[in-house]
Amino acid sequence: QVQLVESGGGLVQPGGSLRLSCAASGSILSFNAMGWYRQAPGKQRELVARITSGGSINYADPVKGRFTISRDNAKNTLYLQMNALKLEDTAVYYCHARRERNSMLNDDYWGQGTQVTVSS
């Protein structure tokens, strides 16, 4: 069974930085895509950043220029570097991985989430 474990969340002041890590129990090369999602109180879970097995990267507009998604295949770990943090970045951040079995069937895996709070 695939397990994803996030770490690195915490309390930070506006303008500060955090780096989130997502450690996978197996090779991340087996995933078609991995990404970070977040959910703020009273809001839907939203995509923050995504990286495919081919290296294609997408960012949500609110985080472009501030966040960077990356991976270390040797360590089976996905990262999210968050700079210039804003109050509106406060949310629970979730690691996600997708493995495509065929054109119509995917396996999706989620971590337990890590809290990021941006406050003065």
PDB file of N, CA and C in Angstrom:
ATOM      1  N   GLN A   1       0.839  -1.182   0.000  1.00  0.00           N
ATOM      2  CA  GLN A   1       0.000   0.000   0.000  1.00  0.00           C
ATOM      3  C   GLN A   1       0.882   1.243   0.000  1.00  0.00           C
ATOM      4  N   VAL A   2       0.553   2.198  -0.867  1.00  0.00           N
ATOM      5  CA  VAL A   2       1.305   3.434  -0.953  1.00  0.00           C
ATOM      6  C   VAL A   2       0.978   4.318   0.242  1.00  0.00           C
ATOM      7  N   GLN A   3       2.021   4.859   0.851  1.00  0.00           N
ATOM      8  CA  GLN A   3       1.857   5.815   1.932  1.00  0.00           C
ATOM      9  C   GLN A   3       2.599   7.096   1.600  1.00  0.00           C
ATOM     10  N   LEU A   4       1.948   8.225   1.866  1.00  0.00           N
ATOM     11  CA  LEU A   4       2.533   9.540   1.673  1.00  0.00           C
ATOM     12  C   LEU A   4       2.497  10.266   3.006  1.00  0.00           C
ATOM     13  N   VAL A   5       3.634  10.771   3.437  1.00  0.00           N
ATOM     14  CA  VAL A   5       3.735  11.423   4.733  1.00  0.00           C
ATOM     15  C   VAL A   5       4.303  12.822   4.554  1.00  0.00           C
ATOM     16  N   GLU A   6       3.494  13.836   4.884  1.00  0.00           N
ATOM     17  CA  GLU A   6       3.923  15.221   4.773  1.00  0.00           C
ATOM     18  C   GLU A   6       4.599  15.684   6.055  1.00  0.00           C
ATOM     19  N   SER A   7       5.483  16.655   5.909  1.00  0.00           N
ATOM     20  CA  SER A   7       6.111  17.295   7.042  1.00  0.00           C
ATOM     21  C   SER A   7       6.549  18.698   6.631  1.00  0.00           C
ATOM     22  N   GLY A   8       6.887  19.512   7.610  1.00  0.00           N
ATOM     23  CA  GLY A   8       7.423  20.829   7.333  1.00  0.00           C
ATOM     24  C   GLY A   8       6.480  21.984   7.564  1.00  0.00           C
ATOM     25  N   GLY A   9       5.227  21.699   7.879  1.00  0.00           N
ATOM     26  CA  GLY A   9       4.293  22.767   8.153  1.00  0.00           C
ATOM     27  C   GLY A   9       4.582  23.436   9.484  1.00  0.00           C
ATOM     28  N   GLY A  10       3.914  24.558   9.712  1.00  0.00           N
ATOM     29  CA  GLY A  10       4.105  25.278  10.951  1.00  0.00           C
ATOM     30  C   GLY A  10       3.580  26.687  10.872  1.00  0.00           C
ATOM     31  N   LEU A  11       3.957  27.479  11.861  1.00  0.00           N
ATOM     32  CA  LEU A  11       3.557  28.878  11.954  1.00  0.00           C
ATOM     33  C   LEU A  11       4.674  29.763  11.429  1.00  0.00           C
ATOM     34  N   VAL A  12       4.325  30.685  10.549  1.00  0.00           N
ATOM     35  CA  VAL A  12       5.313  31.576   9.956  1.00  0.00           C
ATOM     36  C   VAL A  12       4.705  32.962   9.771  1.00  0.00           C
ATOM     37  N   GLN A  13       5.534  33.990   9.842  1.00  0.00           N
ATOM     38  CA  GLN A  13       5.061  35.356   9.639  1.00  0.00           C
ATOM     39  C   GLN A  13       4.909  35.674   8.160  1.00  0.00           C
ATOM     40  N   PRO A  14       4.043  36.631   7.817  1.00  0.00           N
ATOM     41  CA  PRO A  14       3.940  37.045   6.420  1.00  0.00           C
ATOM     42  C   PRO A  14       5.300  37.420   5.854  1.00  0.00           C
ATOM     43  N   GLY A  15       5.550  36.974   4.631  1.00  0.00           N
ATOM     44  CA  GLY A  15       6.832  37.203   3.994  1.00  0.00           C
ATOM     45  C   GLY A  15       7.859  36.129   4.262  1.00  0.00           C
ATOM     46  N   GLY A  16       7.557  35.225   5.172  1.00  0.00           N
ATOM     47  CA  GLY A  16       8.473  34.156   5.514  1.00  0.00           C
ATOM     48  C   GLY A  16       8.418  32.996   4.543  1.00  0.00           C
ATOM     49  N   SER A  17       9.188  31.959   4.859  1.00  0.00           N
ATOM     50  CA  SER A  17       9.300  30.795   3.989  1.00  0.00           C
ATOM     51  C   SER A  17       9.157  29.501   4.766  1.00  0.00           C
ATOM     52  N   LEU A  18       8.669  28.486   4.083  1.00  0.00           N
ATOM     53  CA  LEU A  18       8.602  27.128   4.595  1.00  0.00           C
ATOM     54  C   LEU A  18       8.878  26.169   3.452  1.00  0.00           C
ATOM     55  N   ARG A  19       9.414  25.008   3.778  1.00  0.00           N
ATOM     56  CA  ARG A  19       9.556  23.948   2.799  1.00  0.00           C
ATOM     57  C   ARG A  19       8.819  22.712   3.286  1.00  0.00           C
ATOM     58  N   LEU A  20       7.839  22.284   2.507  1.00  0.00           N
ATOM     59  CA  LEU A  20       7.093  21.084   2.811  1.00  0.00           C
ATOM     60  C   LEU A  20       7.732  19.885   2.126  1.00  0.00           C
ATOM     61  N   SER A  21       7.701  18.749   2.799  1.00  0.00           N
ATOM     62  CA  SER A  21       8.217  17.509   2.247  1.00  0.00           C
ATOM     63  C   SER A  21       7.130  16.452   2.250  1.00  0.00           C
ATOM     64  N   CYS A  22       7.155  15.597   1.254  1.00  0.00           N
ATOM     65  CA  CYS A  22       6.238  14.470   1.160  1.00  0.00           C
ATOM     66  C   CYS A  22       7.060  13.232   0.858  1.00  0.00           C
ATOM     67  N   ALA A  23       7.178  12.356   1.840  1.00  0.00           N
ATOM     68  CA  ALA A  23       7.959  11.134   1.695  1.00  0.00           C
ATOM     69  C   ALA A  23       7.048   9.983   1.296  1.00  0.00           C
ATOM     70  N   ALA A  24       7.370   9.330   0.208  1.00  0.00           N
ATOM     71  CA  ALA A  24       6.592   8.205  -0.285  1.00  0.00           C
ATOM     72  C   ALA A  24       7.216   6.891   0.155  1.00  0.00           C
ATOM     73  N   SER A  25       6.374   5.879   0.342  1.00  0.00           N
ATOM     74  CA  SER A  25       6.844   4.582   0.807  1.00  0.00           C
ATOM     75  C   SER A  25       7.540   3.777  -0.282  1.00  0.00           C
ATOM     76  N   GLY A  26       7.348   4.164  -1.531  1.00  0.00           N
ATOM     77  CA  GLY A  26       7.978   3.489  -2.652  1.00  0.00           C
ATOM     78  C   GLY A  26       8.529   4.486  -3.642  1.00  0.00           C
ATOM     79  N   SER A  27       8.983   3.974  -4.762  1.00  0.00           N
ATOM     80  CA  SER A  27       9.575   4.823  -5.787  1.00  0.00           C
ATOM     81  C   SER A  27       8.548   5.792  -6.364  1.00  0.00           C
ATOM     82  N   ILE A  28       8.878   7.080  -6.351  1.00  0.00           N
ATOM     83  CA  ILE A  28       7.967   8.064  -6.930  1.00  0.00           C
ATOM     84  C   ILE A  28       7.995   8.018  -8.453  1.00  0.00           C
ATOM     85  N   LEU A  29       8.921   7.274  -9.012  1.00  0.00           N
ATOM     86  CA  LEU A  29       8.952   7.091 -10.460  1.00  0.00           C
ATOM     87  C   LEU A  29       7.762   6.278 -10.954  1.00  0.00           C
ATOM     88  N   SER A  30       7.079   5.588 -10.043  1.00  0.00           N
ATOM     89  CA  SER A  30       5.918   4.793 -10.417  1.00  0.00           C
ATOM     90  C   SER A  30       4.657   5.632 -10.597  1.00  0.00           C
ATOM     91  N   PHE A  31       4.710   6.927 -10.253  1.00  0.00           N
ATOM     92  CA  PHE A  31       3.539   7.793 -10.327  1.00  0.00           C
ATOM     93  C   PHE A  31       3.527   8.599 -11.621  1.00  0.00           C
ATOM     94  N   ASN A  32       2.343   8.692 -12.212  1.00  0.00           N
ATOM     95  CA  ASN A  32       2.172   9.525 -13.393  1.00  0.00           C
ATOM     96  C   ASN A  32       2.328  11.003 -13.055  1.00  0.00           C
ATOM     97  N   ALA A  33       1.862  11.372 -11.868  1.00  0.00           N
ATOM     98  CA  ALA A  33       1.948  12.758 -11.445  1.00  0.00           C
ATOM     99  C   ALA A  33       1.915  12.833  -9.928  1.00  0.00           C
ATOM    100  N   MET A  34       2.510  13.887  -9.394  1.00  0.00           N
ATOM    101  CA  MET A  34       2.422  14.183  -7.982  1.00  0.00           C
ATOM    102  C   MET A  34       2.135  15.671  -7.823  1.00  0.00           C
ATOM    103  N   GLY A  35       1.514  16.017  -6.715  1.00  0.00           N
ATOM    104  CA  GLY A  35       1.196  17.412  -6.521  1.00  0.00           C
ATOM    105  C   GLY A  35       0.881  17.759  -5.091  1.00  0.00           C
ATOM    106  N   TRP A  36       0.708  19.049  -4.887  1.00  0.00           N
ATOM    107  CA  TRP A  36       0.298  19.594  -3.600  1.00  0.00           C
ATOM    108  C   TRP A  36      -1.055  20.271  -3.745  1.00  0.00           C
ATOM    109  N   TYR A  37      -1.938  19.982  -2.810  1.00  0.00           N
ATOM    110  CA  TYR A  37      -3.238  20.623  -2.708  1.00  0.00           C
ATOM    111  C   TYR A  37      -3.339  21.298  -1.348  1.00  0.00           C
ATOM    112  N   ARG A  38      -4.271  22.221  -1.221  1.00  0.00           N
ATOM    113  CA  ARG A  38      -4.496  22.846   0.070  1.00  0.00           C
ATOM    114  C   ARG A  38      -5.982  23.094   0.278  1.00  0.00           C
ATOM    115  N   GLN A  39      -6.360  23.145   1.540  1.00  0.00           N
ATOM    116  CA  GLN A  39      -7.746  23.411   1.893  1.00  0.00           C
ATOM    117  C   GLN A  39      -7.783  24.370   3.073  1.00  0.00           C
ATOM    118  N   ALA A  40      -8.342  25.543   2.827  1.00  0.00           N
ATOM    119  CA  ALA A  40      -8.530  26.536   3.867  1.00  0.00           C
ATOM    120  C   ALA A  40      -9.911  26.350   4.492  1.00  0.00           C
ATOM    121  N   PRO A  41     -10.112  26.845   5.715  1.00  0.00           N
ATOM    122  CA  PRO A  41     -11.411  26.697   6.366  1.00  0.00           C
ATOM    123  C   PRO A  41     -12.555  27.249   5.523  1.00  0.00           C
ATOM    124  N   GLY A  42     -13.598  26.454   5.342  1.00  0.00           N
ATOM    125  CA  GLY A  42     -14.758  26.879   4.588  1.00  0.00           C
ATOM    126  C   GLY A  42     -14.599  26.870   3.088  1.00  0.00           C
ATOM    127  N   LYS A  43     -13.478  26.369   2.587  1.00  0.00           N
ATOM    128  CA  LYS A  43     -13.234  26.358   1.158  1.00  0.00           C
ATOM    129  C   LYS A  43     -12.996  24.946   0.636  1.00  0.00           C
ATOM    130  N   GLN A  44     -13.140  24.795  -0.670  1.00  0.00           N
ATOM    131  CA  GLN A  44     -12.863  23.529  -1.325  1.00  0.00           C
ATOM    132  C   GLN A  44     -11.359  23.290  -1.406  1.00  0.00           C
ATOM    133  N   ARG A  45     -10.993  22.027  -1.457  1.00  0.00           N
ATOM    134  CA  ARG A  45      -9.593  21.697  -1.664  1.00  0.00           C
ATOM    135  C   ARG A  45      -9.189  22.130  -3.073  1.00  0.00           C
ATOM    136  N   GLU A  46      -8.035  22.767  -3.197  1.00  0.00           N
ATOM    137  CA  GLU A  46      -7.602  23.284  -4.473  1.00  0.00           C
ATOM    138  C   GLU A  46      -6.181  22.853  -4.788  1.00  0.00           C
ATOM    139  N   LEU A  47      -5.912  22.712  -6.071  1.00  0.00           N
ATOM    140  CA  LEU A  47      -4.575  22.376  -6.523  1.00  0.00           C
ATOM    141  C   LEU A  47      -3.643  23.564  -6.330  1.00  0.00           C
ATOM    142  N   VAL A  48      -2.471  23.302  -5.783  1.00  0.00           N
ATOM    143  CA  VAL A  48      -1.448  24.320  -5.605  1.00  0.00           C
ATOM    144  C   VAL A  48      -0.379  24.191  -6.681  1.00  0.00           C
ATOM    145  N   ALA A  49       0.153  22.991  -6.842  1.00  0.00           N
ATOM    146  CA  ALA A  49       1.208  22.745  -7.815  1.00  0.00           C
ATOM    147  C   ALA A  49       1.221  21.277  -8.179  1.00  0.00           C
ATOM    148  N   ARG A  50       1.659  20.982  -9.382  1.00  0.00           N
ATOM    149  CA  ARG A  50       1.645  19.620  -9.886  1.00  0.00           C
ATOM    150  C   ARG A  50       2.848  19.397 -10.772  1.00  0.00           C
ATOM    151  N   ILE A  51       3.419  18.197 -10.693  1.00  0.00           N
ATOM    152  CA  ILE A  51       4.536  17.830 -11.555  1.00  0.00           C
ATOM    153  C   ILE A  51       4.277  16.430 -12.085  1.00  0.00           C
ATOM    154  N   THR A  52       4.449  16.242 -13.390  1.00  0.00           N
ATOM    155  CA  THR A  52       4.219  14.946 -14.019  1.00  0.00           C
ATOM    156  C   THR A  52       5.509  14.150 -14.082  1.00  0.00           C
ATOM    157  N   SER A  53       5.371  12.880 -14.428  1.00  0.00           N
ATOM    158  CA  SER A  53       6.540  12.023 -14.553  1.00  0.00           C
ATOM    159  C   SER A  53       7.484  12.522 -15.635  1.00  0.00           C
ATOM    160  N   GLY A  54       6.939  13.233 -16.624  1.00  0.00           N
ATOM    161  CA  GLY A  54       7.753  13.797 -17.684  1.00  0.00           C
ATOM    162  C   GLY A  54       8.378  15.131 -17.353  1.00  0.00           C
ATOM    163  N   GLY A  55       8.074  15.664 -16.166  1.00  0.00           N
ATOM    164  CA  GLY A  55       8.685  16.903 -15.729  1.00  0.00           C
ATOM    165  C   GLY A  55       7.871  18.155 -15.978  1.00  0.00           C
ATOM    166  N   SER A  56       6.662  18.011 -16.508  1.00  0.00           N
ATOM    167  CA  SER A  56       5.808  19.167 -16.727  1.00  0.00           C
ATOM    168  C   SER A  56       5.271  19.678 -15.395  1.00  0.00           C
ATOM    169  N   ILE A  57       5.306  20.991 -15.189  1.00  0.00           N
ATOM    170  CA  ILE A  57       4.911  21.602 -13.928  1.00  0.00           C
ATOM    171  C   ILE A  57       3.814  22.633 -14.152  1.00  0.00           C
ATOM    172  N   ASN A  58       2.826  22.625 -13.265  1.00  0.00           N
ATOM    173  CA  ASN A  58       1.767  23.616 -13.273  1.00  0.00           C
ATOM    174  C   ASN A  58       1.597  24.194 -11.876  1.00  0.00           C
ATOM    175  N   TYR A  59       1.333  25.506 -11.814  1.00  0.00           N
ATOM    176  CA  TYR A  59       1.070  26.184 -10.554  1.00  0.00           C
ATOM    177  C   TYR A  59      -0.269  26.895 -10.612  1.00  0.00           C
ATOM    178  N   ALA A  60      -0.942  26.940  -9.480  1.00  0.00           N
ATOM    179  CA  ALA A  60      -2.119  27.780  -9.369  1.00  0.00           C
ATOM    180  C   ALA A  60      -1.694  29.238  -9.424  1.00  0.00           C
ATOM    181  N   ASP A  61      -2.523  30.079 -10.023  1.00  0.00           N
ATOM    182  CA  ASP A  61      -2.172  31.484 -10.195  1.00  0.00           C
ATOM    183  C   ASP A  61      -1.754  32.192  -8.902  1.00  0.00           C
ATOM    184  N   PRO A  62      -2.429  31.965  -7.766  1.00  0.00           N
ATOM    185  CA  PRO A  62      -2.055  32.698  -6.559  1.00  0.00           C
ATOM    186  C   PRO A  62      -0.649  32.414  -6.036  1.00  0.00           C
ATOM    187  N   VAL A  63      -0.040  31.310  -6.456  1.00  0.00           N
ATOM    188  CA  VAL A  63       1.271  30.956  -5.923  1.00  0.00           C
ATOM    189  C   VAL A  63       2.387  31.080  -6.944  1.00  0.00           C
ATOM    190  N   LYS A  64       2.064  31.423  -8.169  1.00  0.00           N
ATOM    191  CA  LYS A  64       3.087  31.555  -9.202  1.00  0.00           C
ATOM    192  C   LYS A  64       4.112  32.613  -8.818  1.00  0.00           C
ATOM    193  N   GLY A  65       5.369  32.262  -8.980  1.00  0.00           N
ATOM    194  CA  GLY A  65       6.447  33.170  -8.633  1.00  0.00           C
ATOM    195  C   GLY A  65       6.866  33.108  -7.186  1.00  0.00           C
ATOM    196  N   ARG A  66       6.095  32.423  -6.350  1.00  0.00           N
ATOM    197  CA  ARG A  66       6.407  32.324  -4.927  1.00  0.00           C
ATOM    198  C   ARG A  66       6.698  30.901  -4.476  1.00  0.00           C
ATOM    199  N   PHE A  67       6.005  29.929  -5.064  1.00  0.00           N
ATOM    200  CA  PHE A  67       6.164  28.527  -4.678  1.00  0.00           C
ATOM    201  C   PHE A  67       6.912  27.767  -5.767  1.00  0.00           C
ATOM    202  N   THR A  68       7.661  26.747  -5.361  1.00  0.00           N
ATOM    203  CA  THR A  68       8.374  25.896  -6.290  1.00  0.00           C
ATOM    204  C   THR A  68       8.179  24.437  -5.906  1.00  0.00           C
ATOM    205  N   ILE A  69       7.683  23.641  -6.843  1.00  0.00           N
ATOM    206  CA  ILE A  69       7.538  22.212  -6.612  1.00  0.00           C
ATOM    207  C   ILE A  69       8.749  21.495  -7.205  1.00  0.00           C
ATOM    208  N   SER A  70       9.225  20.480  -6.507  1.00  0.00           N
ATOM    209  CA  SER A  70      10.364  19.718  -6.983  1.00  0.00           C
ATOM    210  C   SER A  70      10.309  18.315  -6.396  1.00  0.00           C
ATOM    211  N   ARG A  71      11.168  17.451  -6.884  1.00  0.00           N
ATOM    212  CA  ARG A  71      11.210  16.083  -6.372  1.00  0.00           C
ATOM    213  C   ARG A  71      12.640  15.583  -6.350  1.00  0.00           C
ATOM    214  N   ASP A  72      12.894  14.645  -5.454  1.00  0.00           N
ATOM    215  CA  ASP A  72      14.168  13.966  -5.358  1.00  0.00           C
ATOM    216  C   ASP A  72      13.869  12.483  -5.514  1.00  0.00           C
ATOM    217  N   ASN A  73      14.119  11.954  -6.696  1.00  0.00           N
ATOM    218  CA  ASN A  73      13.778  10.563  -6.976  1.00  0.00           C
ATOM    219  C   ASN A  73      14.559   9.589  -6.096  1.00  0.00           C
ATOM    220  N   ALA A  74      15.804   9.907  -5.803  1.00  0.00           N
ATOM    221  CA  ALA A  74      16.627   9.025  -4.979  1.00  0.00           C
ATOM    222  C   ALA A  74      16.081   8.913  -3.567  1.00  0.00           C
ATOM    223  N   LYS A  75      15.469   9.986  -3.079  1.00  0.00           N
ATOM    224  CA  LYS A  75      14.912   9.996  -1.730  1.00  0.00           C
ATOM    225  C   LYS A  75      13.415   9.716  -1.708  1.00  0.00           C
ATOM    226  N   ASN A  76      12.818   9.505  -2.881  1.00  0.00           N
ATOM    227  CA  ASN A  76      11.381   9.262  -2.995  1.00  0.00           C
ATOM    228  C   ASN A  76      10.575  10.350  -2.280  1.00  0.00           C
ATOM    229  N   THR A  77      10.965  11.584  -2.512  1.00  0.00           N
ATOM    230  CA  THR A  77      10.385  12.698  -1.785  1.00  0.00           C
ATOM    231  C   THR A  77       9.994  13.827  -2.725  1.00  0.00           C
ATOM    232  N   LEU A  78       8.823  14.379  -2.486  1.00  0.00           N
ATOM    233  CA  LEU A  78       8.315  15.549  -3.185  1.00  0.00           C
ATOM    234  C   LEU A  78       8.424  16.747  -2.255  1.00  0.00           C
ATOM    235  N   TYR A  79       8.756  17.908  -2.806  1.00  0.00           N
ATOM    236  CA  TYR A  79       8.927  19.115  -2.007  1.00  0.00           C
ATOM    237  C   TYR A  79       8.050  20.250  -2.525  1.00  0.00           C
ATOM    238  N   LEU A  80       7.731  21.161  -1.631  1.00  0.00           N
ATOM    239  CA  LEU A  80       7.114  22.420  -2.001  1.00  0.00           C
ATOM    240  C   LEU A  80       7.817  23.535  -1.230  1.00  0.00           C
ATOM    241  N   GLN A  81       8.615  24.320  -1.936  1.00  0.00           N
ATOM    242  CA  GLN A  81       9.262  25.474  -1.337  1.00  0.00           C
ATOM    243  C   GLN A  81       8.316  26.651  -1.432  1.00  0.00           C
ATOM    244  N   MET A  82       7.981  27.240  -0.302  1.00  0.00           N
ATOM    245  CA  MET A  82       7.027  28.334  -0.238  1.00  0.00           C
ATOM    246  C   MET A  82       7.741  29.578   0.275  1.00  0.00           C
ATOM    247  N   ASN A  83       7.805  30.597  -0.558  1.00  0.00           N
ATOM    248  CA  ASN A  83       8.432  31.863  -0.206  1.00  0.00           C
ATOM    249  C   ASN A  83       7.406  32.985  -0.237  1.00  0.00           C
ATOM    250  N   ALA A  84       7.764  34.095   0.388  1.00  0.00           N
ATOM    251  CA  ALA A  84       6.901  35.276   0.408  1.00  0.00           C
ATOM    252  C   ALA A  84       5.472  34.914   0.801  1.00  0.00           C
ATOM    253  N   LEU A  85       5.351  34.176   1.881  1.00  0.00           N
ATOM    254  CA  LEU A  85       4.049  33.668   2.303  1.00  0.00           C
ATOM    255  C   LEU A  85       3.100  34.792   2.693  1.00  0.00           C
ATOM    256  N   LYS A  86       1.836  34.590   2.362  1.00  0.00           N
ATOM    257  CA  LYS A  86       0.779  35.548   2.637  1.00  0.00           C
ATOM    258  C   LYS A  86      -0.251  34.937   3.576  1.00  0.00           C
ATOM    259  N   LEU A  87      -1.055  35.785   4.195  1.00  0.00           N
ATOM    260  CA  LEU A  87      -2.092  35.311   5.096  1.00  0.00           C
ATOM    261  C   LEU A  87      -3.013  34.315   4.397  1.00  0.00           C
ATOM    262  N   GLU A  88      -3.317  34.564   3.135  1.00  0.00           N
ATOM    263  CA  GLU A  88      -4.232  33.711   2.399  1.00  0.00           C
ATOM    264  C   GLU A  88      -3.653  32.351   2.031  1.00  0.00           C
ATOM    265  N   ASP A  89      -2.369  32.135   2.314  1.00  0.00           N
ATOM    266  CA  ASP A  89      -1.772  30.822   2.112  1.00  0.00           C
ATOM    267  C   ASP A  89      -2.082  29.865   3.263  1.00  0.00           C
ATOM    268  N   THR A  90      -2.664  30.369   4.326  1.00  0.00           N
ATOM    269  CA  THR A  90      -2.999  29.537   5.471  1.00  0.00           C
ATOM    270  C   THR A  90      -3.978  28.439   5.062  1.00  0.00           C
ATOM    271  N   ALA A  91      -3.600  27.191   5.314  1.00  0.00           N
ATOM    272  CA  ALA A  91      -4.415  26.045   4.921  1.00  0.00           C
ATOM    273  C   ALA A  91      -3.739  24.769   5.388  1.00  0.00           C
ATOM    274  N   VAL A  92      -4.475  23.672   5.278  1.00  0.00           N
ATOM    275  CA  VAL A  92      -3.867  22.361   5.407  1.00  0.00           C
ATOM    276  C   VAL A  92      -3.383  21.949   4.028  1.00  0.00           C
ATOM    277  N   TYR A  93      -2.129  21.575   3.930  1.00  0.00           N
ATOM    278  CA  TYR A  93      -1.531  21.199   2.661  1.00  0.00           C
ATOM    279  C   TYR A  93      -1.411  19.684   2.573  1.00  0.00           C
ATOM    280  N   TYR A  94      -1.858  19.138   1.439  1.00  0.00           N
ATOM    281  CA  TYR A  94      -1.892  17.700   1.232  1.00  0.00           C
ATOM    282  C   TYR A  94      -1.020  17.287   0.056  1.00  0.00           C
ATOM    283  N   CYS A  95      -0.289  16.221   0.234  1.00  0.00           N
ATOM    284  CA  CYS A  95       0.462  15.606  -0.845  1.00  0.00           C
ATOM    285  C   CYS A  95      -0.436  14.623  -1.585  1.00  0.00           C
ATOM    286  N   HIS A  96      -0.312  14.592  -2.903  1.00  0.00           N
ATOM    287  CA  HIS A  96      -1.117  13.708  -3.736  1.00  0.00           C
ATOM    288  C   HIS A  96      -0.248  13.026  -4.781  1.00  0.00           C
ATOM    289  N   ALA A  97      -0.565  11.776  -5.059  1.00  0.00           N
ATOM    290  CA  ALA A  97       0.113  11.036  -6.118  1.00  0.00           C
ATOM    291  C   ALA A  97      -0.907  10.265  -6.932  1.00  0.00           C
ATOM    292  N   ARG A  98      -0.669  10.188  -8.223  1.00  0.00           N
ATOM    293  CA  ARG A  98      -1.571   9.473  -9.120  1.00  0.00           C
ATOM    294  C   ARG A  98      -0.796   8.466  -9.957  1.00  0.00           C
ATOM    295  N   ARG A  99      -1.330   7.267 -10.024  1.00  0.00           N
ATOM    296  CA  ARG A  99      -0.781   6.228 -10.883  1.00  0.00           C
ATOM    297  C   ARG A  99      -1.849   5.833 -11.878  1.00  0.00           C
ATOM    298  N   GLU A 100      -1.562   5.991 -13.149  1.00  0.00           N
ATOM    299  CA  GLU A 100      -2.502   5.667 -14.200  1.00  0.00           C
ATOM    300  C   GLU A 100      -2.369   4.200 -14.575  1.00  0.00           C
ATOM    301  N   ARG A 101      -3.446   3.449 -14.402  1.00  0.00           N
ATOM    302  CA  ARG A 101      -3.454   2.047 -14.781  1.00  0.00           C
ATOM    303  C   ARG A 101      -3.805   1.863 -16.246  1.00  0.00           C
ATOM    304  N   ASN A 102      -4.776   2.637 -16.713  1.00  0.00           N
ATOM    305  CA  ASN A 102      -5.135   2.689 -18.120  1.00  0.00           C
ATOM    306  C   ASN A 102      -5.742   4.056 -18.386  1.00  0.00           C
ATOM    307  N   SER A 103      -6.268   4.249 -19.584  1.00  0.00           N
ATOM    308  CA  SER A 103      -6.758   5.563 -19.978  1.00  0.00           C
ATOM    309  C   SER A 103      -7.970   6.030 -19.179  1.00  0.00           C
ATOM    310  N   MET A 104      -8.638   5.124 -18.475  1.00  0.00           N
ATOM    311  CA  MET A 104      -9.839   5.481 -17.740  1.00  0.00           C
ATOM    312  C   MET A 104      -9.800   5.125 -16.258  1.00  0.00           C
ATOM    313  N   LEU A 105      -8.710   4.586 -15.793  1.00  0.00           N
ATOM    314  CA  LEU A 105      -8.627   4.155 -14.405  1.00  0.00           C
ATOM    315  C   LEU A 105      -7.324   4.629 -13.781  1.00  0.00           C
ATOM    316  N   ASN A 106      -7.455   5.410 -12.711  1.00  0.00           N
ATOM    317  CA  ASN A 106      -6.308   5.903 -11.962  1.00  0.00           C
ATOM    318  C   ASN A 106      -6.390   5.462 -10.509  1.00  0.00           C
ATOM    319  N   ASP A 107      -5.229   5.309  -9.908  1.00  0.00           N
ATOM    320  CA  ASP A 107      -5.138   5.145  -8.466  1.00  0.00           C
ATOM    321  C   ASP A 107      -4.634   6.456  -7.878  1.00  0.00           C
ATOM    322  N   ASP A 108      -5.352   6.980  -6.895  1.00  0.00           N
ATOM    323  CA  ASP A 108      -4.999   8.242  -6.262  1.00  0.00           C
ATOM    324  C   ASP A 108      -4.665   8.023  -4.794  1.00  0.00           C
ATOM    325  N   TYR A 109      -3.599   8.659  -4.357  1.00  0.00           N
ATOM    326  CA  TYR A 109      -3.124   8.509  -2.987  1.00  0.00           C
ATOM    327  C   TYR A 109      -2.956   9.878  -2.350  1.00  0.00           C
ATOM    328  N   TRP A 110      -3.294   9.954  -1.074  1.00  0.00           N
ATOM    329  CA  TRP A 110      -3.243  11.215  -0.344  1.00  0.00           C
ATOM    330  C   TRP A 110      -2.501  11.061   0.971  1.00  0.00           C
ATOM    331  N   GLY A 111      -1.753  12.084   1.328  1.00  0.00           N
ATOM    332  CA  GLY A 111      -1.159  12.142   2.642  1.00  0.00           C
ATOM    333  C   GLY A 111      -2.163  12.650   3.656  1.00  0.00           C
ATOM    334  N   GLN A 112      -1.740  12.713   4.907  1.00  0.00           N
ATOM    335  CA  GLN A 112      -2.644  13.101   5.987  1.00  0.00           C
ATOM    336  C   GLN A 112      -2.786  14.613   6.136  1.00  0.00           C
ATOM    337  N   GLY A 113      -1.909  15.358   5.504  1.00  0.00           N
ATOM    338  CA  GLY A 113      -1.954  16.804   5.554  1.00  0.00           C
ATOM    339  C   GLY A 113      -1.033  17.390   6.601  1.00  0.00           C
ATOM    340  N   THR A 114      -0.580  18.606   6.341  1.00  0.00           N
ATOM    341  CA  THR A 114       0.229  19.345   7.295  1.00  0.00           C
ATOM    342  C   THR A 114      -0.246  20.792   7.328  1.00  0.00           C
ATOM    343  N   GLN A 115      -0.387  21.342   8.524  1.00  0.00           N
ATOM    344  CA  GLN A 115      -0.951  22.681   8.695  1.00  0.00           C
ATOM    345  C   GLN A 115       0.100  23.745   8.439  1.00  0.00           C
ATOM    346  N   VAL A 116      -0.260  24.713   7.610  1.00  0.00           N
ATOM    347  CA  VAL A 116       0.553  25.905   7.389  1.00  0.00           C
ATOM    348  C   VAL A 116      -0.260  27.109   7.835  1.00  0.00           C
ATOM    349  N   THR A 117       0.265  27.850   8.787  1.00  0.00           N
ATOM    350  CA  THR A 117      -0.417  29.033   9.296  1.00  0.00           C
ATOM    351  C   THR A 117       0.481  30.247   9.126  1.00  0.00           C
ATOM    352  N   VAL A 118      -0.009  31.236   8.399  1.00  0.00           N
ATOM    353  CA  VAL A 118       0.720  32.478   8.174  1.00  0.00           C
ATOM    354  C   VAL A 118       0.023  33.559   8.997  1.00  0.00           C
ATOM    355  N   SER A 119       0.723  34.099   9.966  1.00  0.00           N
ATOM    356  CA  SER A 119       0.115  35.052  10.885  1.00  0.00           C
ATOM    357  C   SER A 119       1.174  35.973  11.473  1.00  0.00           C
ATOM    358  N   SER A 120       0.751  37.217  11.760  1.00  0.00           N
ATOM    359  CA  SER A 120       1.628  38.167  12.420  1.00  0.00           C
ATOM    360  C   SER A 120       1.665  37.959  13.926  1.00  0.00           C
TER     361      SER A 120
END
